[in-house]
Amino acid sequence: MAIIVMTWQNPTDQGKAKTSDGKAAAWRQIVLKQKGLVEYNAFTGISTGRDMAVDSFRSTADASAFLGSKEFSTIVAEMKSLGVTDIEVNLWDQHPDVPGPLHP
């Protein structure tokens, strides 16, 4: 399994922030249609003011294909045009010593 972790700072302008939040539903629908997607999660950083999306994919190849796609490029371009800043994207792969979740 591989995950894409994307973080960003929403616009400080309330009008742009509202527009960006409205557009997020369409962006999620694009992500949910990607080949190999297992799960999508989103989080709000209460202490940081940054938001985060975590997309889990069956494989690194599937996650990489999405990151290199026109759809992903369009999402990031639209985010930037709406004033979203500090966009950071990281691709993570499953650690070989912990191939699945551990529980206490």
Protein backbone atom coordinates (compact mmCIF):
# COMPACT_ATOMS: atom_id res chain seq x y z
CA MET A 1 0.00 0.00 0.00
CA ALA A 2 1.11 3.58 -0.68
CA ILE A 3 -0.32 6.88 0.49
CA ILE A 4 -0.30 10.41 -0.78
CA VAL A 5 -0.24 13.01 1.98
CA MET A 6 -1.17 16.49 0.79
CA THR A 7 -1.22 19.52 3.08
CA TRP A 8 -2.16 23.12 2.36
CA GLN A 9 -3.14 26.47 3.86
CA ASN A 10 -6.58 27.78 2.95
CA PRO A 11 -6.95 31.36 1.67
CA THR A 12 -7.20 34.06 4.31
CA ASP A 13 -9.72 35.92 2.12
CA GLN A 14 -13.12 34.60 3.25
CA GLY A 15 -14.65 34.79 -0.23
CA LYS A 16 -11.83 32.77 -1.77
CA ALA A 17 -11.91 30.34 1.16
CA LYS A 18 -15.63 29.74 0.65
CA THR A 19 -15.13 29.23 -3.10
CA SER A 20 -12.26 26.82 -2.43
CA ASP A 21 -14.32 24.83 0.09
CA GLY A 22 -17.14 24.59 -2.45
CA LYS A 23 -14.77 23.36 -5.15
CA ALA A 24 -13.29 20.73 -2.80
CA ALA A 25 -16.32 18.46 -3.29
CA ALA A 26 -15.56 18.27 -7.03
CA TRP A 27 -11.87 17.64 -6.34
CA ARG A 28 -12.77 14.76 -3.99
CA GLN A 29 -14.93 13.18 -6.69
CA ILE A 30 -11.95 13.21 -9.06
CA VAL A 31 -9.75 11.54 -6.43
CA LEU A 32 -12.39 8.91 -5.66
CA LYS A 33 -12.38 7.79 -9.31
CA GLN A 34 -8.63 7.08 -9.44
CA LYS A 35 -7.39 3.60 -10.27
CA GLY A 36 -6.15 1.75 -7.22
CA LEU A 37 -7.62 4.12 -4.62
CA VAL A 38 -8.44 2.23 -1.44
CA GLU A 39 -9.47 5.07 0.86
CA TYR A 40 -9.63 8.85 1.08
CA ASN A 41 -9.44 10.83 4.33
CA ALA A 42 -9.26 14.54 5.12
CA PHE A 43 -8.19 16.26 8.31
CA THR A 44 -8.17 19.79 9.69
CA GLY A 45 -5.09 20.83 11.63
CA ILE A 46 -6.66 22.40 14.68
CA SER A 47 -3.34 23.68 16.02
CA THR A 48 -1.65 24.43 12.68
CA GLY A 49 -4.43 25.94 10.57
CA ARG A 50 -3.41 23.61 7.74
CA ASP A 51 -5.62 20.98 6.17
CA MET A 52 -4.53 17.54 5.01
CA ALA A 53 -5.81 14.85 2.66
CA VAL A 54 -4.54 11.28 2.85
CA ASP A 55 -5.19 9.09 -0.19
CA SER A 56 -4.43 5.38 0.23
CA PHE A 57 -3.63 3.41 -2.92
CA ARG A 58 -3.11 -0.31 -3.55
CA SER A 59 0.37 0.34 -4.94
CA THR A 60 3.04 2.96 -5.39
CA ALA A 61 2.51 2.68 -9.14
CA ASP A 62 -1.18 3.62 -8.80
CA ALA A 63 -0.38 6.54 -6.47
CA SER A 64 2.43 7.75 -8.75
CA ALA A 65 0.14 7.55 -11.78
CA PHE A 66 -2.35 9.83 -10.05
CA LEU A 67 0.36 12.31 -9.04
CA GLY A 68 1.53 12.46 -12.67
CA SER A 69 -1.96 12.79 -14.10
CA LYS A 70 -3.65 15.74 -15.75
CA GLU A 71 -6.41 15.48 -13.12
CA PHE A 72 -3.98 16.02 -10.25
CA SER A 73 -2.27 18.87 -12.07
CA THR A 74 -5.66 20.52 -12.64
CA ILE A 75 -6.63 20.19 -8.97
CA VAL A 76 -3.39 21.84 -7.81
CA ALA A 77 -3.67 24.61 -10.43
CA GLU A 78 -7.25 25.35 -9.36
CA MET A 79 -6.26 25.38 -5.69
CA LYS A 80 -3.50 27.89 -6.41
CA SER A 81 -5.81 30.08 -8.50
CA LEU A 82 -8.21 30.27 -5.55
CA GLY A 83 -5.46 31.43 -3.18
CA VAL A 84 -4.60 28.13 -1.51
CA THR A 85 -0.95 28.30 -0.41
CA ASP A 86 1.78 26.13 1.11
CA ILE A 87 0.68 23.10 -0.90
CA GLU A 88 2.92 20.17 -0.09
CA VAL A 89 2.57 16.65 -1.53
CA ASN A 90 4.42 13.56 -0.33
CA LEU A 91 4.26 9.96 -1.51
CA TRP A 92 4.75 7.32 1.20
CA ASP A 93 5.17 3.58 0.78
CA GLN A 94 4.44 0.84 3.31
CA HIS A 95 7.45 0.13 5.55
CA PRO A 96 8.73 -3.42 4.93
CA ASP A 97 9.01 -4.13 8.68
CA VAL A 98 5.38 -3.18 9.27
CA PRO A 99 3.43 -4.38 6.23
CA GLY A 100 0.07 -3.69 7.88
CA PRO A 101 -1.44 -1.87 10.83
CA LEU A 102 -0.37 -2.91 14.33
CA HIS A 103 -2.75 -2.90 17.27
CA PRO A 104 -2.01 -2.86 21.00
